[in-house]
Amino acid sequence: MNQLEKKRINEIRARLDAATPGPWNIHGPSKYGVYLKYFVGVPSGYKRGDREGVVRICEVFNFFDNRNGMQLVNTELIANAPDDIKWLLDQLDPPHICKKGKCEYWNETCDLCRAKGCHSCPCR
């Protein structure tokens, strides 16, 4: 990976870290005039009766073309973006190297693998 690629990846990580913490959820649809809209948000912690408040991250309108449910599909893409981006960035991290040189668990994954979510231990 060259320096420009590393710089771009670090900028993406910084934007993700600066974004509103998740999970981001889809709310709606709600009526906006004759149109329906969805929005992506996170719980605010404020409750009014049995309704929980939401901090809106973005609203999704599709005034011109909502055939085939594109409005909801676009909303789902936005709502899942932070988790998807984090997962993709995690795939760029090099696998860990067992400091012991050999995993103490022969038939199971080592603690480092289990914590990182690896499927197999590179120490075998």
N, C-alpha and C. Protein backbone atom coordinates (compact mmCIF):
# COMPACT_ATOMS: atom_id res chain seq x y z
N MET A 1 0.86 -1.18 0.00
CA MET A 1 0.00 0.00 0.00
C MET A 1 0.90 1.24 0.00
N ASN A 2 0.62 2.16 -0.90
CA ASN A 2 1.46 3.35 -0.99
C ASN A 2 0.99 4.43 0.00
N GLN A 3 1.76 5.51 0.09
CA GLN A 3 1.48 6.57 1.07
C GLN A 3 0.14 7.27 0.83
N LEU A 4 -0.22 7.49 -0.45
CA LEU A 4 -1.50 8.13 -0.75
C LEU A 4 -2.68 7.26 -0.32
N GLU A 5 -2.55 5.95 -0.54
CA GLU A 5 -3.61 5.03 -0.11
C GLU A 5 -3.73 5.02 1.41
N LYS A 6 -2.59 4.98 2.10
CA LYS A 6 -2.61 5.00 3.57
C LYS A 6 -3.25 6.29 4.09
N LYS A 7 -2.89 7.41 3.44
CA LYS A 7 -3.45 8.71 3.84
C LYS A 7 -4.97 8.71 3.66
N ARG A 8 -5.43 8.20 2.54
CA ARG A 8 -6.88 8.16 2.27
C ARG A 8 -7.59 7.27 3.28
N ILE A 9 -7.02 6.12 3.59
CA ILE A 9 -7.62 5.21 4.57
C ILE A 9 -7.67 5.87 5.94
N ASN A 10 -6.61 6.58 6.32
CA ASN A 10 -6.61 7.28 7.62
C ASN A 10 -7.65 8.39 7.65
N GLU A 11 -7.85 9.08 6.53
CA GLU A 11 -8.89 10.11 6.46
C GLU A 11 -10.28 9.50 6.61
N ILE A 12 -10.50 8.36 5.99
CA ILE A 12 -11.79 7.66 6.11
C ILE A 12 -12.02 7.23 7.56
N ARG A 13 -10.98 6.68 8.19
CA ARG A 13 -11.09 6.27 9.61
C ARG A 13 -11.44 7.49 10.49
N ALA A 14 -10.78 8.60 10.22
CA ALA A 14 -11.03 9.81 11.02
C ALA A 14 -12.48 10.29 10.85
N ARG A 15 -13.00 10.27 9.63
CA ARG A 15 -14.40 10.67 9.41
C ARG A 15 -15.35 9.71 10.11
N LEU A 16 -15.06 8.43 10.07
CA LEU A 16 -15.91 7.45 10.73
C LEU A 16 -15.88 7.66 12.25
N ASP A 17 -14.70 7.89 12.80
CA ASP A 17 -14.58 8.13 14.25
C ASP A 17 -15.29 9.40 14.68
N ALA A 18 -15.33 10.40 13.81
CA ALA A 18 -15.95 11.68 14.15
C ALA A 18 -17.47 11.66 13.99
N ALA A 19 -17.99 10.67 13.28
CA ALA A 19 -19.44 10.59 13.02
C ALA A 19 -20.21 10.23 14.28
N THR A 20 -21.52 10.49 14.26
CA THR A 20 -22.39 10.14 15.38
C THR A 20 -22.28 8.65 15.66
N PRO A 21 -22.02 8.27 16.92
CA PRO A 21 -21.92 6.84 17.24
C PRO A 21 -23.25 6.14 16.96
N GLY A 22 -23.16 4.88 16.61
CA GLY A 22 -24.35 4.10 16.25
C GLY A 22 -24.86 3.26 17.38
N PRO A 23 -25.74 2.35 17.09
CA PRO A 23 -26.14 1.99 15.74
C PRO A 23 -27.11 3.01 15.15
N TRP A 24 -27.01 3.17 13.84
CA TRP A 24 -27.93 4.04 13.12
C TRP A 24 -29.15 3.21 12.74
N ASN A 25 -30.33 3.75 12.94
CA ASN A 25 -31.57 3.03 12.68
C ASN A 25 -32.43 3.77 11.67
N ILE A 26 -33.27 3.01 10.98
CA ILE A 26 -34.21 3.58 10.03
C ILE A 26 -35.52 3.88 10.74
N HIS A 27 -36.06 5.05 10.51
CA HIS A 27 -37.35 5.45 11.06
C HIS A 27 -38.25 5.88 9.91
N GLY A 28 -39.51 5.60 10.05
CA GLY A 28 -40.44 6.00 9.00
C GLY A 28 -41.05 4.79 8.34
N PRO A 29 -41.76 4.98 7.28
CA PRO A 29 -41.94 6.24 6.58
C PRO A 29 -42.92 7.15 7.30
N SER A 30 -42.76 8.43 7.08
CA SER A 30 -43.72 9.42 7.58
C SER A 30 -44.17 10.27 6.40
N LYS A 31 -45.29 10.91 6.58
CA LYS A 31 -45.89 11.68 5.50
C LYS A 31 -45.24 13.07 5.44
N TYR A 32 -44.88 13.49 4.25
CA TYR A 32 -44.35 14.83 4.01
C TYR A 32 -45.14 15.37 2.82
N GLY A 33 -46.20 16.07 3.10
CA GLY A 33 -47.10 16.49 2.03
C GLY A 33 -47.72 15.25 1.41
N VAL A 34 -47.56 15.12 0.12
CA VAL A 34 -48.08 13.92 -0.56
C VAL A 34 -47.02 12.84 -0.67
N TYR A 35 -45.80 13.12 -0.20
CA TYR A 35 -44.70 12.18 -0.31
C TYR A 35 -44.45 11.48 1.02
N LEU A 36 -43.75 10.36 0.94
CA LEU A 36 -43.29 9.68 2.14
C LEU A 36 -41.80 9.95 2.29
N LYS A 37 -41.34 10.00 3.52
CA LYS A 37 -39.91 10.16 3.75
C LYS A 37 -39.48 9.21 4.84
N TYR A 38 -38.23 8.84 4.80
CA TYR A 38 -37.59 8.04 5.84
C TYR A 38 -36.51 8.91 6.44
N PHE A 39 -36.08 8.55 7.65
CA PHE A 39 -34.88 9.20 8.17
C PHE A 39 -34.06 8.20 8.94
N VAL A 40 -32.79 8.50 9.04
CA VAL A 40 -31.83 7.69 9.77
C VAL A 40 -31.50 8.44 11.04
N GLY A 41 -31.51 7.74 12.17
CA GLY A 41 -31.23 8.40 13.43
C GLY A 41 -30.76 7.46 14.50
N VAL A 42 -30.42 8.06 15.64
CA VAL A 42 -30.00 7.30 16.81
C VAL A 42 -30.86 7.74 17.99
N PRO A 43 -31.08 6.86 18.97
CA PRO A 43 -31.88 7.25 20.13
C PRO A 43 -31.27 8.44 20.86
N SER A 44 -32.12 9.37 21.29
CA SER A 44 -31.63 10.57 21.99
C SER A 44 -31.57 10.38 23.49
N GLY A 45 -32.23 9.34 23.97
CA GLY A 45 -32.31 9.14 25.42
C GLY A 45 -33.50 9.85 26.04
N TYR A 46 -34.17 10.69 25.27
CA TYR A 46 -35.34 11.42 25.74
C TYR A 46 -36.59 10.60 25.44
N LYS A 47 -37.48 10.49 26.44
CA LYS A 47 -38.73 9.77 26.24
C LYS A 47 -39.91 10.66 26.56
N ARG A 48 -40.95 10.49 25.78
CA ARG A 48 -42.20 11.19 26.02
C ARG A 48 -43.31 10.14 25.96
N GLY A 49 -43.82 9.79 27.11
CA GLY A 49 -44.78 8.69 27.16
C GLY A 49 -44.07 7.41 26.77
N ASP A 50 -44.64 6.70 25.81
CA ASP A 50 -44.01 5.45 25.36
C ASP A 50 -43.17 5.66 24.10
N ARG A 51 -43.00 6.90 23.68
CA ARG A 51 -42.20 7.20 22.48
C ARG A 51 -40.81 7.66 22.87
N GLU A 52 -39.83 7.13 22.19
CA GLU A 52 -38.45 7.50 22.45
C GLU A 52 -37.99 8.54 21.44
N GLY A 53 -37.28 9.55 21.93
CA GLY A 53 -36.77 10.58 21.04
C GLY A 53 -35.64 10.07 20.17
N VAL A 54 -35.47 10.71 19.03
CA VAL A 54 -34.45 10.30 18.07
C VAL A 54 -33.69 11.52 17.59
N VAL A 55 -32.38 11.40 17.53
CA VAL A 55 -31.55 12.42 16.92
C VAL A 55 -31.43 12.05 15.44
N ARG A 56 -31.91 12.93 14.57
CA ARG A 56 -31.89 12.64 13.14
C ARG A 56 -30.51 12.90 12.56
N ILE A 57 -30.05 11.93 11.81
CA ILE A 57 -28.78 12.07 11.12
C ILE A 57 -29.03 12.59 9.71
N CYS A 58 -30.02 12.02 9.04
CA CYS A 58 -30.38 12.52 7.72
C CYS A 58 -31.79 12.05 7.36
N GLU A 59 -32.42 12.80 6.48
CA GLU A 59 -33.73 12.43 5.95
C GLU A 59 -33.55 12.01 4.51
N VAL A 60 -34.33 11.04 4.09
CA VAL A 60 -34.22 10.54 2.72
C VAL A 60 -35.55 10.75 2.02
N PHE A 61 -35.52 11.59 0.99
CA PHE A 61 -36.67 11.86 0.14
C PHE A 61 -36.34 11.33 -1.24
N ASN A 62 -37.35 10.95 -1.94
CA ASN A 62 -37.14 10.60 -3.34
C ASN A 62 -38.38 11.07 -4.08
N PHE A 63 -38.42 12.35 -4.38
CA PHE A 63 -39.61 12.96 -4.97
C PHE A 63 -39.88 12.48 -6.39
N PHE A 64 -38.83 12.19 -7.13
CA PHE A 64 -39.01 11.97 -8.55
C PHE A 64 -39.16 10.50 -8.93
N ASP A 65 -38.57 9.61 -8.17
CA ASP A 65 -38.62 8.21 -8.57
C ASP A 65 -38.55 7.31 -7.35
N ASN A 66 -39.68 6.82 -6.91
CA ASN A 66 -39.70 5.88 -5.80
C ASN A 66 -40.21 4.52 -6.25
N ARG A 67 -40.06 4.25 -7.55
CA ARG A 67 -40.43 2.93 -8.04
C ARG A 67 -39.49 1.89 -7.46
N ASN A 68 -39.99 0.72 -7.28
CA ASN A 68 -39.20 -0.41 -6.78
C ASN A 68 -38.59 -0.16 -5.40
N GLY A 69 -39.17 0.73 -4.63
CA GLY A 69 -38.71 0.94 -3.26
C GLY A 69 -37.32 1.53 -3.13
N MET A 70 -36.86 2.30 -4.11
CA MET A 70 -35.51 2.85 -4.06
C MET A 70 -35.29 3.75 -2.85
N GLN A 71 -36.32 4.41 -2.40
CA GLN A 71 -36.18 5.29 -1.24
C GLN A 71 -35.74 4.49 -0.02
N LEU A 72 -36.38 3.35 0.23
CA LEU A 72 -36.01 2.51 1.37
C LEU A 72 -34.63 1.89 1.16
N VAL A 73 -34.33 1.48 -0.05
CA VAL A 73 -33.01 0.89 -0.34
C VAL A 73 -31.91 1.91 -0.07
N ASN A 74 -32.10 3.15 -0.49
CA ASN A 74 -31.11 4.20 -0.23
C ASN A 74 -30.97 4.45 1.27
N THR A 75 -32.09 4.44 1.98
CA THR A 75 -32.06 4.65 3.43
C THR A 75 -31.30 3.53 4.12
N GLU A 76 -31.51 2.30 3.68
CA GLU A 76 -30.79 1.16 4.26
C GLU A 76 -29.29 1.27 4.03
N LEU A 77 -28.90 1.74 2.85
CA LEU A 77 -27.47 1.93 2.57
C LEU A 77 -26.86 2.94 3.54
N ILE A 78 -27.54 4.06 3.74
CA ILE A 78 -27.04 5.10 4.65
C ILE A 78 -26.99 4.59 6.09
N ALA A 79 -28.06 3.92 6.53
CA ALA A 79 -28.13 3.45 7.92
C ALA A 79 -27.04 2.42 8.22
N ASN A 80 -26.66 1.61 7.26
CA ASN A 80 -25.66 0.57 7.47
C ASN A 80 -24.23 1.03 7.17
N ALA A 81 -24.08 2.23 6.62
CA ALA A 81 -22.77 2.70 6.20
C ALA A 81 -21.71 2.66 7.31
N PRO A 82 -21.96 3.16 8.52
CA PRO A 82 -20.89 3.15 9.53
C PRO A 82 -20.39 1.73 9.85
N ASP A 83 -21.32 0.79 10.04
CA ASP A 83 -20.90 -0.58 10.35
C ASP A 83 -20.20 -1.22 9.17
N ASP A 84 -20.70 -0.97 7.96
CA ASP A 84 -20.08 -1.54 6.76
C ASP A 84 -18.69 -0.97 6.54
N ILE A 85 -18.53 0.34 6.72
CA ILE A 85 -17.22 0.97 6.53
C ILE A 85 -16.24 0.46 7.58
N LYS A 86 -16.69 0.35 8.83
CA LYS A 86 -15.81 -0.17 9.88
C LYS A 86 -15.35 -1.59 9.56
N TRP A 87 -16.27 -2.43 9.10
CA TRP A 87 -15.93 -3.80 8.75
C TRP A 87 -14.89 -3.81 7.63
N LEU A 88 -15.12 -3.00 6.59
CA LEU A 88 -14.17 -2.96 5.48
C LEU A 88 -12.80 -2.48 5.93
N LEU A 89 -12.76 -1.46 6.77
CA LEU A 89 -11.48 -0.96 7.27
C LEU A 89 -10.77 -2.03 8.11
N ASP A 90 -11.54 -2.77 8.91
CA ASP A 90 -10.95 -3.84 9.72
C ASP A 90 -10.31 -4.92 8.84
N GLN A 91 -10.85 -5.13 7.65
CA GLN A 91 -10.29 -6.14 6.74
C GLN A 91 -8.92 -5.71 6.21
N LEU A 92 -8.63 -4.41 6.26
CA LEU A 92 -7.34 -3.91 5.79
C LEU A 92 -6.24 -4.09 6.83
N ASP A 93 -6.63 -4.30 8.11
CA ASP A 93 -5.63 -4.49 9.16
C ASP A 93 -4.91 -5.81 8.96
N PRO A 94 -3.58 -5.82 9.10
CA PRO A 94 -2.87 -7.09 8.95
C PRO A 94 -3.24 -8.05 10.07
N PRO A 95 -3.24 -9.36 9.81
CA PRO A 95 -3.56 -10.31 10.87
C PRO A 95 -2.50 -10.24 11.97
N HIS A 96 -2.92 -10.55 13.19
CA HIS A 96 -1.97 -10.49 14.30
C HIS A 96 -0.99 -11.66 14.22
N ILE A 97 0.11 -11.50 14.89
CA ILE A 97 1.09 -12.57 14.98
C ILE A 97 1.18 -12.98 16.44
N CYS A 98 1.02 -14.26 16.68
CA CYS A 98 1.04 -14.77 18.05
C CYS A 98 2.43 -14.54 18.63
N LYS A 99 2.49 -13.86 19.78
CA LYS A 99 3.78 -13.54 20.39
C LYS A 99 4.48 -14.78 20.94
N LYS A 100 3.69 -15.82 21.23
CA LYS A 100 4.28 -17.04 21.76
C LYS A 100 4.88 -17.89 20.64
N GLY A 101 4.58 -17.56 19.41
CA GLY A 101 5.11 -18.34 18.30
C GLY A 101 4.23 -19.53 17.96
N LYS A 102 3.48 -20.00 18.94
CA LYS A 102 2.57 -21.11 18.70
C LYS A 102 1.39 -20.95 19.65
N CYS A 103 0.21 -21.15 19.14
CA CYS A 103 -0.99 -20.97 19.94
C CYS A 103 -1.07 -22.05 21.01
N GLU A 104 -1.49 -21.69 22.22
CA GLU A 104 -1.60 -22.68 23.28
C GLU A 104 -2.82 -23.58 23.11
N TYR A 105 -3.73 -23.20 22.23
CA TYR A 105 -4.91 -24.01 21.93
C TYR A 105 -4.71 -24.63 20.57
N TRP A 106 -4.54 -25.93 20.49
CA TRP A 106 -4.28 -26.54 19.19
C TRP A 106 -5.54 -26.70 18.36
N ASN A 107 -6.67 -27.10 18.97
CA ASN A 107 -7.91 -27.35 18.22
C ASN A 107 -8.90 -26.20 18.30
N GLU A 108 -8.55 -25.13 18.98
CA GLU A 108 -9.43 -23.98 19.09
C GLU A 108 -8.68 -22.73 18.66
N THR A 109 -9.40 -21.69 18.38
CA THR A 109 -8.72 -20.44 18.05
C THR A 109 -8.15 -19.82 19.31
N CYS A 110 -7.07 -19.09 19.17
CA CYS A 110 -6.44 -18.46 20.33
C CYS A 110 -7.27 -17.27 20.81
N ASP A 111 -6.97 -16.78 21.99
CA ASP A 111 -7.71 -15.66 22.57
C ASP A 111 -7.67 -14.42 21.69
N LEU A 112 -6.51 -14.12 21.11
CA LEU A 112 -6.41 -12.95 20.24
C LEU A 112 -7.33 -13.09 19.03
N CYS A 113 -7.36 -14.27 18.44
CA CYS A 113 -8.24 -14.50 17.28
C CYS A 113 -9.70 -14.37 17.69
N ARG A 114 -10.04 -14.97 18.80
CA ARG A 114 -11.43 -14.95 19.25
C ARG A 114 -11.87 -13.51 19.53
N ALA A 115 -11.01 -12.71 20.13
CA ALA A 115 -11.35 -11.32 20.44
C ALA A 115 -11.47 -10.51 19.16
N LYS A 116 -10.64 -10.77 18.18
CA LYS A 116 -10.67 -10.01 16.93
C LYS A 116 -11.75 -10.52 15.97
N GLY A 117 -12.28 -11.71 16.25
CA GLY A 117 -13.33 -12.25 15.40
C GLY A 117 -12.79 -13.04 14.22
N CYS A 118 -11.53 -13.49 14.30
CA CYS A 118 -10.97 -14.30 13.21
C CYS A 118 -11.66 -15.66 13.20
N HIS A 119 -11.63 -16.31 12.05
CA HIS A 119 -12.24 -17.63 11.95
C HIS A 119 -11.24 -18.75 12.16
N SER A 120 -10.00 -18.45 11.99
CA SER A 120 -8.97 -19.48 12.23
C SER A 120 -7.72 -18.79 12.76
N CYS A 121 -6.94 -19.54 13.47
CA CYS A 121 -5.75 -18.99 14.09
C CYS A 121 -4.57 -19.07 13.14
N PRO A 122 -3.86 -17.96 12.88
CA PRO A 122 -2.70 -17.99 12.00
C PRO A 122 -1.49 -18.64 12.67
N CYS A 123 -1.61 -18.95 13.95
CA CYS A 123 -0.49 -19.52 14.70
C CYS A 123 -0.35 -21.02 14.47
N ARG A 124 -1.32 -21.66 13.85
CA ARG A 124 -1.27 -23.12 13.67
C ARG A 124 -0.22 -23.53 12.68
